[in-house]
Protein backbone atom coordinates (compact mmCIF):
# COMPACT_ATOMS: atom_id res chain seq x y z
CA MET A 1 26.04 56.86 -29.90
CA LYS A 2 22.41 56.17 -29.01
CA LYS A 3 22.57 52.77 -30.68
CA LYS A 4 25.56 51.75 -28.57
CA ILE A 5 23.78 52.83 -25.39
CA SER A 6 20.58 51.07 -26.37
CA LYS A 7 22.49 47.89 -27.26
CA LEU A 8 24.35 47.97 -23.96
CA LEU A 9 21.14 48.67 -22.08
CA SER A 10 19.30 45.91 -23.87
CA LYS A 11 22.07 43.41 -23.04
CA LYS A 12 21.88 44.37 -19.38
CA VAL A 13 18.10 44.04 -19.40
CA LEU A 14 18.33 40.68 -21.11
CA LEU A 15 20.81 39.44 -18.53
CA ARG A 16 18.73 40.70 -15.63
CA VAL A 17 15.52 39.21 -16.97
CA PHE A 18 16.45 36.01 -18.76
CA LEU A 19 19.36 34.81 -16.65
CA PRO A 20 17.27 34.35 -13.47
CA ILE A 21 14.53 32.72 -15.52
CA ALA A 22 17.06 30.33 -17.07
CA VAL A 23 18.51 29.45 -13.66
CA ILE A 24 15.07 28.82 -12.15
CA LEU A 25 14.07 26.70 -15.14
CA ALA A 26 17.28 24.66 -14.92
CA LEU A 27 16.76 24.04 -11.19
CA TYR A 28 13.16 23.01 -11.83
CA LEU A 29 14.14 20.58 -14.57
CA LEU A 30 17.03 19.13 -12.55
CA ARG A 31 15.15 18.86 -9.25
CA SER A 32 15.05 15.07 -9.51
CA LEU A 33 18.85 15.04 -9.30
CA ILE A 34 18.70 16.94 -6.00
CA PHE A 35 15.61 15.46 -4.35
CA ALA A 36 14.88 11.73 -4.19
CA ALA A 37 11.28 12.07 -3.00
CA TRP A 38 8.69 14.27 -1.32
CA VAL A 39 7.22 12.89 1.91
CA ASN A 40 4.35 14.75 3.59
CA GLY A 41 5.18 17.82 1.53
CA ARG A 42 8.83 17.85 2.63
CA PRO A 43 11.71 17.02 0.30
CA VAL A 44 14.09 14.15 0.95
CA SER A 45 17.48 14.89 -0.56
CA ARG A 46 19.43 12.24 -2.40
CA LEU A 47 22.40 12.85 -0.11
CA SER A 48 20.41 12.15 3.06
CA LEU A 49 18.85 9.05 1.47
CA THR A 50 22.26 7.74 0.45
CA ARG A 51 23.69 8.32 3.92
CA ALA A 52 20.78 6.50 5.56
CA LEU A 53 21.12 3.55 3.18
CA GLU A 54 24.87 3.38 3.81
CA LYS A 55 24.29 3.30 7.57
CA GLN A 56 21.62 0.63 7.21
CA GLY A 57 23.43 -1.79 4.93
CA GLY A 58 27.02 -0.63 4.89
CA LYS A 59 28.41 -3.43 7.06
CA GLN A 60 26.61 -6.12 5.07
CA VAL A 61 27.93 -4.79 1.79
CA LEU A 62 31.46 -4.54 3.18
CA GLU A 63 31.33 -8.12 4.45
CA GLY A 64 30.00 -9.25 1.10
CA LEU A 65 32.88 -7.61 -0.72
CA ILE A 66 35.48 -9.13 1.61
């Protein structure tokens, strides 16, 4: 009975400790997929960069494809 409780408790502790660590580590390692650059200490997201580039050259690219 005590072994079952200790196993269950240890699984809960492992999930509470290692799961957040794993998530934080994954976000840290994948940060380059989310952020394109850091300018003056502020992140520039890939989505905002893509939108700005589409606004800037979107018409030219469309005309080139047509």
